N, C-alpha and C. Protein backbone atom coordinates (compact mmCIF):
# COMPACT_ATOMS: atom_id res chain seq x y z
N UNK A 1 28.57 26.08 6.76
CA UNK A 1 27.68 25.11 6.26
C UNK A 1 26.62 25.72 5.30
N UNK A 2 26.32 25.12 4.38
CA UNK A 2 25.42 25.77 3.34
C UNK A 2 24.02 25.80 3.86
N UNK A 3 23.27 26.74 3.46
CA UNK A 3 21.94 26.76 3.91
C UNK A 3 20.96 25.93 3.05
N UNK A 4 19.66 25.66 3.49
CA UNK A 4 18.70 24.99 2.74
C UNK A 4 18.18 26.00 1.68
N UNK A 5 17.99 25.42 0.43
CA UNK A 5 17.50 26.19 -0.53
C UNK A 5 16.31 25.54 -1.29
N UNK A 6 15.56 26.45 -2.10
CA UNK A 6 14.50 25.84 -2.82
C UNK A 6 15.11 25.20 -4.05
N UNK A 7 14.27 24.33 -4.73
CA UNK A 7 14.70 23.58 -5.99
C UNK A 7 15.49 24.43 -6.88
N UNK A 8 16.51 24.12 -7.57
CA UNK A 8 17.18 24.77 -8.57
C UNK A 8 17.93 26.15 -8.16
N UNK A 9 17.95 26.42 -6.93
CA UNK A 9 18.63 27.51 -6.31
C UNK A 9 19.99 27.31 -6.02
N UNK A 10 21.05 27.99 -6.36
CA UNK A 10 22.34 27.62 -6.18
C UNK A 10 23.18 28.64 -5.42
N UNK A 11 22.70 29.75 -4.96
CA UNK A 11 23.28 30.70 -4.17
C UNK A 11 23.61 30.21 -2.79
N UNK A 12 24.72 30.60 -2.14
CA UNK A 12 24.92 30.17 -0.65
C UNK A 12 24.20 31.17 0.24
N UNK A 13 23.46 30.46 1.12
CA UNK A 13 22.57 31.27 1.98
C UNK A 13 22.88 30.62 3.52
N UNK A 14 23.04 31.48 4.49
CA UNK A 14 23.12 31.16 5.83
C UNK A 14 21.81 30.85 6.39
N UNK A 15 21.65 29.97 7.41
CA UNK A 15 20.48 29.74 8.10
C UNK A 15 19.89 30.89 8.92
N UNK A 16 20.76 31.92 9.10
CA UNK A 16 20.40 33.15 9.90
C UNK A 16 20.69 34.32 9.02
N UNK A 17 19.98 35.54 9.41
CA UNK A 17 20.15 36.64 8.63
C UNK A 17 20.73 37.85 9.45
N UNK A 18 21.51 37.55 10.56
CA UNK A 18 22.12 38.73 11.29
C UNK A 18 23.60 38.59 11.34
N UNK A 19 24.27 39.73 11.45
CA UNK A 19 25.69 39.76 11.59
C UNK A 19 26.18 39.25 12.92
N UNK A 20 27.19 38.66 12.93
CA UNK A 20 27.68 37.99 14.18
C UNK A 20 29.30 37.81 14.07
N UNK A 21 29.99 37.62 15.12
CA UNK A 21 31.33 37.36 15.16
C UNK A 21 31.56 36.05 15.89
N UNK A 22 32.21 34.99 15.42
CA UNK A 22 32.62 33.81 16.03
C UNK A 22 33.95 33.83 16.68
N UNK A 23 34.54 35.04 16.54
CA UNK A 23 36.00 35.10 17.02
C UNK A 23 36.95 34.88 16.10
N UNK A 24 36.52 34.50 14.79
CA UNK A 24 37.45 34.34 13.68
C UNK A 24 36.78 34.68 12.35
N UNK A 25 37.54 35.00 11.36
CA UNK A 25 36.81 35.30 10.17
C UNK A 25 36.99 34.14 9.13
N UNK A 26 35.95 33.85 8.37
CA UNK A 26 36.03 32.84 7.31
C UNK A 26 35.23 33.14 6.22
N UNK A 27 35.53 32.54 5.08
CA UNK A 27 34.65 32.83 3.91
C UNK A 27 33.86 31.59 3.64
N UNK A 28 32.52 31.82 3.39
CA UNK A 28 31.44 30.77 3.22
C UNK A 28 31.25 30.54 1.77
N UNK A 29 32.09 30.95 0.87
CA UNK A 29 31.92 30.72 -0.48
C UNK A 29 32.70 29.37 -1.00
N UNK A 30 32.03 28.52 -1.53
CA UNK A 30 32.68 27.30 -1.80
C UNK A 30 32.47 27.10 -3.36
N UNK A 31 33.32 26.27 -3.85
CA UNK A 31 33.36 26.10 -5.29
C UNK A 31 32.40 25.04 -5.77
N UNK A 32 31.66 24.43 -5.00
CA UNK A 32 30.62 23.40 -5.38
C UNK A 32 29.14 24.03 -5.29
N UNK A 33 28.37 23.26 -5.93
CA UNK A 33 26.91 23.62 -5.99
C UNK A 33 26.23 22.98 -4.69
N UNK A 34 25.31 23.83 -4.29
CA UNK A 34 24.47 23.39 -3.03
C UNK A 34 23.16 22.95 -3.60
N UNK A 35 22.71 21.65 -3.26
CA UNK A 35 21.45 21.26 -3.54
C UNK A 35 20.92 20.37 -2.43
N UNK A 36 19.66 20.50 -2.21
CA UNK A 36 19.09 19.76 -1.05
C UNK A 36 17.78 19.10 -1.42
N UNK A 37 17.57 17.85 -1.00
CA UNK A 37 16.46 17.10 -1.19
C UNK A 37 15.37 17.29 -0.12
N UNK A 38 15.79 17.67 1.06
CA UNK A 38 14.78 17.69 2.19
C UNK A 38 14.34 19.13 2.54
N UNK A 39 14.46 20.09 1.75
CA UNK A 39 14.22 21.46 2.11
C UNK A 39 12.76 21.61 2.67
N UNK A 40 11.82 20.96 1.88
CA UNK A 40 10.47 21.19 2.42
C UNK A 40 10.16 20.43 3.69
N UNK A 41 10.82 19.22 3.87
CA UNK A 41 10.65 18.56 5.08
C UNK A 41 11.29 19.37 6.33
N UNK A 42 12.42 19.99 6.03
CA UNK A 42 13.06 20.76 7.11
C UNK A 42 12.24 21.97 7.41
N UNK A 43 11.69 22.73 6.47
CA UNK A 43 10.80 23.83 6.74
C UNK A 43 9.53 23.39 7.41
N UNK A 44 8.92 22.31 7.20
CA UNK A 44 7.83 21.81 7.85
C UNK A 44 8.12 21.38 9.28
N UNK A 45 9.22 20.76 9.49
CA UNK A 45 9.70 20.46 10.84
C UNK A 45 9.80 21.70 11.78
N UNK A 46 10.51 22.69 11.10
CA UNK A 46 10.82 23.99 11.89
C UNK A 46 9.42 24.76 12.27
N UNK A 47 8.57 24.65 11.23
CA UNK A 47 7.32 25.30 11.56
C UNK A 47 6.64 24.53 12.66
N UNK A 48 6.56 23.27 12.73
CA UNK A 48 5.92 22.49 13.84
C UNK A 48 6.61 22.88 15.23
N UNK A 49 8.02 22.79 15.07
CA UNK A 49 8.81 23.11 16.43
C UNK A 49 8.55 24.53 16.75
N UNK A 50 8.39 25.37 15.93
CA UNK A 50 8.09 26.82 16.36
C UNK A 50 6.77 26.93 17.00
N UNK A 51 5.81 26.19 16.39
CA UNK A 51 4.47 26.25 17.06
C UNK A 51 4.40 25.63 18.36
N UNK A 52 5.12 24.50 18.44
CA UNK A 52 5.27 23.75 19.75
C UNK A 52 5.90 24.58 20.84
N UNK A 53 6.86 25.41 20.37
CA UNK A 53 7.57 26.35 21.29
C UNK A 53 6.68 27.39 21.82
N UNK A 54 5.76 27.91 20.83
CA UNK A 54 4.88 28.94 21.24
C UNK A 54 3.94 28.43 22.21
N UNK A 55 3.51 27.21 22.18
CA UNK A 55 2.64 26.48 23.12
C UNK A 55 3.29 26.35 24.44
N UNK A 56 4.56 26.03 24.48
CA UNK A 56 5.36 25.88 25.75
C UNK A 56 5.35 27.41 26.35
N UNK A 57 5.62 28.35 25.63
CA UNK A 57 5.60 29.84 26.11
C UNK A 57 4.21 30.01 26.85
N UNK A 58 3.18 29.78 26.24
CA UNK A 58 1.84 29.98 26.74
C UNK A 58 1.63 29.18 27.95
N UNK A 59 2.14 27.92 28.01
CA UNK A 59 2.15 27.08 29.25
C UNK A 59 2.79 27.74 30.44
N UNK A 60 3.89 28.34 30.19
CA UNK A 60 4.58 29.06 31.21
C UNK A 60 3.83 30.32 31.67
N UNK A 61 3.18 31.12 30.67
CA UNK A 61 2.50 32.29 30.99
C UNK A 61 1.32 31.96 31.78
N UNK A 62 0.74 30.72 31.66
CA UNK A 62 -0.57 30.36 32.24
C UNK A 62 -0.31 29.57 33.58
N UNK A 63 0.93 29.57 33.92
CA UNK A 63 1.46 28.91 35.18
C UNK A 63 1.30 27.41 35.27
N UNK A 64 1.38 26.67 34.22
CA UNK A 64 1.29 25.25 34.17
C UNK A 64 2.44 24.71 34.95
N UNK A 65 2.12 23.47 35.32
CA UNK A 65 3.05 22.60 36.07
C UNK A 65 4.54 22.56 35.40
N UNK A 66 5.54 22.85 36.20
CA UNK A 66 6.92 22.82 35.67
C UNK A 66 7.26 21.46 35.09
N UNK A 67 6.81 20.38 35.55
CA UNK A 67 7.04 19.08 35.04
C UNK A 67 6.60 19.00 33.60
N UNK A 68 5.34 19.49 33.30
CA UNK A 68 4.70 19.31 32.09
C UNK A 68 5.46 20.28 31.24
N UNK A 69 5.75 21.51 31.53
CA UNK A 69 6.57 22.41 30.73
C UNK A 69 7.89 21.68 30.29
N UNK A 70 8.61 21.18 31.26
CA UNK A 70 9.81 20.46 30.94
C UNK A 70 9.77 19.43 29.94
N UNK A 71 8.66 18.56 30.06
CA UNK A 71 8.48 17.54 28.99
C UNK A 71 8.15 18.07 27.62
N UNK A 72 7.32 19.11 27.60
CA UNK A 72 7.08 19.74 26.34
C UNK A 72 8.31 20.36 25.77
N UNK A 73 9.03 21.06 26.56
CA UNK A 73 10.33 21.63 26.14
C UNK A 73 11.37 20.63 25.73
N UNK A 74 11.38 19.47 26.18
CA UNK A 74 12.18 18.44 25.73
C UNK A 74 11.75 17.94 24.49
N UNK A 75 10.35 17.89 24.08
CA UNK A 75 9.82 17.56 22.89
C UNK A 75 10.36 18.55 21.78
N UNK A 76 10.36 19.83 22.08
CA UNK A 76 10.70 20.89 21.14
C UNK A 76 12.33 20.66 20.91
N UNK A 77 13.13 20.46 21.95
CA UNK A 77 14.53 20.29 21.66
C UNK A 77 14.83 19.10 20.83
N UNK A 78 14.00 18.00 21.06
CA UNK A 78 14.15 16.72 20.32
C UNK A 78 13.84 16.92 18.84
N UNK A 79 12.78 17.78 18.55
CA UNK A 79 12.30 18.07 17.13
C UNK A 79 13.34 18.86 16.47
N UNK A 80 13.88 19.88 17.20
CA UNK A 80 15.09 20.62 16.59
C UNK A 80 16.34 19.83 16.22
N UNK A 81 16.59 18.93 17.24
CA UNK A 81 17.82 18.11 17.00
C UNK A 81 17.59 17.10 15.88
N UNK A 82 16.53 16.66 15.68
CA UNK A 82 16.08 15.75 14.60
C UNK A 82 16.08 16.50 13.18
N UNK A 83 15.66 17.78 13.37
CA UNK A 83 15.76 18.67 12.04
C UNK A 83 17.16 18.85 11.79
N UNK A 84 17.95 19.10 12.75
CA UNK A 84 19.44 19.43 12.50
C UNK A 84 20.08 18.04 11.82
N UNK A 85 19.68 16.93 12.34
CA UNK A 85 20.25 15.74 11.70
C UNK A 85 19.87 15.54 10.22
N UNK A 86 18.54 15.96 9.91
CA UNK A 86 18.25 16.00 8.58
C UNK A 86 18.98 16.97 7.67
N UNK A 87 19.17 18.04 8.13
CA UNK A 87 20.07 19.05 7.55
C UNK A 87 21.39 18.53 7.19
N UNK A 88 22.01 17.84 8.32
CA UNK A 88 23.26 17.37 8.26
C UNK A 88 23.33 16.23 7.12
N UNK A 89 22.31 15.47 7.22
CA UNK A 89 22.35 14.35 6.28
C UNK A 89 22.32 14.88 4.81
N UNK A 90 21.45 15.74 4.65
CA UNK A 90 21.43 16.48 3.20
C UNK A 90 22.66 17.20 2.85
N UNK A 91 23.28 17.80 3.77
CA UNK A 91 24.55 18.44 3.60
C UNK A 91 25.75 17.53 3.24
N UNK A 92 25.78 16.38 3.93
CA UNK A 92 26.90 15.41 3.72
C UNK A 92 26.52 14.85 2.26
N UNK A 93 25.32 14.45 1.97
CA UNK A 93 24.99 13.55 0.86
C UNK A 93 25.09 14.50 -0.45
N UNK A 94 25.07 15.74 -0.37
CA UNK A 94 25.16 16.53 -1.52
C UNK A 94 26.28 17.59 -1.49
N UNK A 95 26.38 18.50 -0.53
CA UNK A 95 27.38 19.51 -0.50
C UNK A 95 28.73 18.95 -0.29
N UNK A 96 28.85 18.08 0.68
CA UNK A 96 30.23 17.60 1.04
C UNK A 96 30.68 16.57 -0.02
N UNK A 97 29.86 15.85 -0.55
CA UNK A 97 30.30 14.87 -1.62
C UNK A 97 30.80 15.82 -2.69
N UNK A 98 30.09 16.75 -3.11
CA UNK A 98 30.69 17.62 -4.17
C UNK A 98 31.85 18.33 -3.65
N UNK A 99 32.02 18.79 -2.57
CA UNK A 99 33.23 19.47 -1.98
C UNK A 99 34.42 18.56 -2.08
N UNK A 100 34.22 17.26 -1.77
CA UNK A 100 35.35 16.36 -1.68
C UNK A 100 35.78 16.19 -3.22
N UNK A 101 34.79 15.98 -4.07
CA UNK A 101 35.07 15.83 -5.51
C UNK A 101 35.85 17.04 -6.11
N UNK A 102 35.50 18.22 -5.61
CA UNK A 102 36.13 19.42 -6.02
C UNK A 102 37.36 19.80 -5.20
N UNK A 103 37.71 18.99 -4.18
CA UNK A 103 38.85 19.33 -3.44
C UNK A 103 38.66 20.61 -2.52
N UNK A 104 37.44 20.83 -2.16
CA UNK A 104 37.02 22.04 -1.48
C UNK A 104 37.37 21.79 0.10
N UNK A 105 38.54 21.95 0.54
CA UNK A 105 38.78 21.65 1.98
C UNK A 105 38.08 22.63 2.92
N UNK A 106 37.82 23.96 2.52
CA UNK A 106 37.11 24.87 3.34
C UNK A 106 35.70 24.38 3.72
N UNK A 107 35.03 23.71 2.68
CA UNK A 107 33.67 23.32 3.04
C UNK A 107 33.76 22.19 4.03
N UNK A 108 34.75 21.22 3.95
CA UNK A 108 34.86 20.31 4.98
C UNK A 108 35.24 20.76 6.30
N UNK A 109 36.02 21.71 6.45
CA UNK A 109 36.44 22.42 7.60
C UNK A 109 35.22 23.08 8.17
N UNK A 110 34.47 23.74 7.32
CA UNK A 110 33.19 24.35 7.83
C UNK A 110 32.21 23.25 8.46
N UNK A 111 32.09 22.18 7.75
CA UNK A 111 31.28 21.08 8.32
C UNK A 111 31.78 20.66 9.74
N UNK A 112 33.04 20.39 9.91
CA UNK A 112 33.59 20.11 11.16
C UNK A 112 33.20 21.02 12.23
N UNK A 113 33.45 22.28 11.91
CA UNK A 113 33.13 23.39 12.82
C UNK A 113 31.64 23.42 13.21
N UNK A 114 30.59 23.27 12.12
CA UNK A 114 29.31 23.24 12.41
C UNK A 114 28.97 22.07 13.28
N UNK A 115 29.46 20.77 12.96
CA UNK A 115 29.13 19.63 13.90
C UNK A 115 29.56 19.92 15.35
N UNK A 116 30.81 20.45 15.45
CA UNK A 116 31.20 20.80 16.76
C UNK A 116 30.19 21.64 17.64
N UNK A 117 29.69 22.77 16.88
CA UNK A 117 28.62 23.49 17.46
C UNK A 117 27.29 22.88 17.68
N UNK A 118 26.88 22.01 16.70
CA UNK A 118 25.62 21.27 16.72
C UNK A 118 25.53 20.44 17.97
N UNK A 119 26.62 19.72 18.18
CA UNK A 119 26.47 18.58 19.30
C UNK A 119 26.85 19.07 20.64
N UNK A 120 27.11 20.29 20.78
CA UNK A 120 27.37 20.94 22.29
C UNK A 120 26.14 20.88 23.04
């Protein structure tokens, strides 16, 4: 899946910066251009979710009621899921539309794989 980028940036970027092995190798370079309308909104949502998660950590450190912690943790999970949906929407509207036009089956296969992992 292509990463979120700033306006006019067209390099392929992963959402993470560490090496990993998913049990198979694949090339993430696609023949289409990656552009995203919602980059700022996604970054804002992630910053809010990160701050909220830090608050949940402090709740646990301070011995807050488990029910309260679970409710707040649920809010963080929901915020992350909604952010993922926005990224998916952006990806489909731009990257995948371009990939289909360009006959880029690898990008479509990558999306299927990403969706499988996202909805688990």
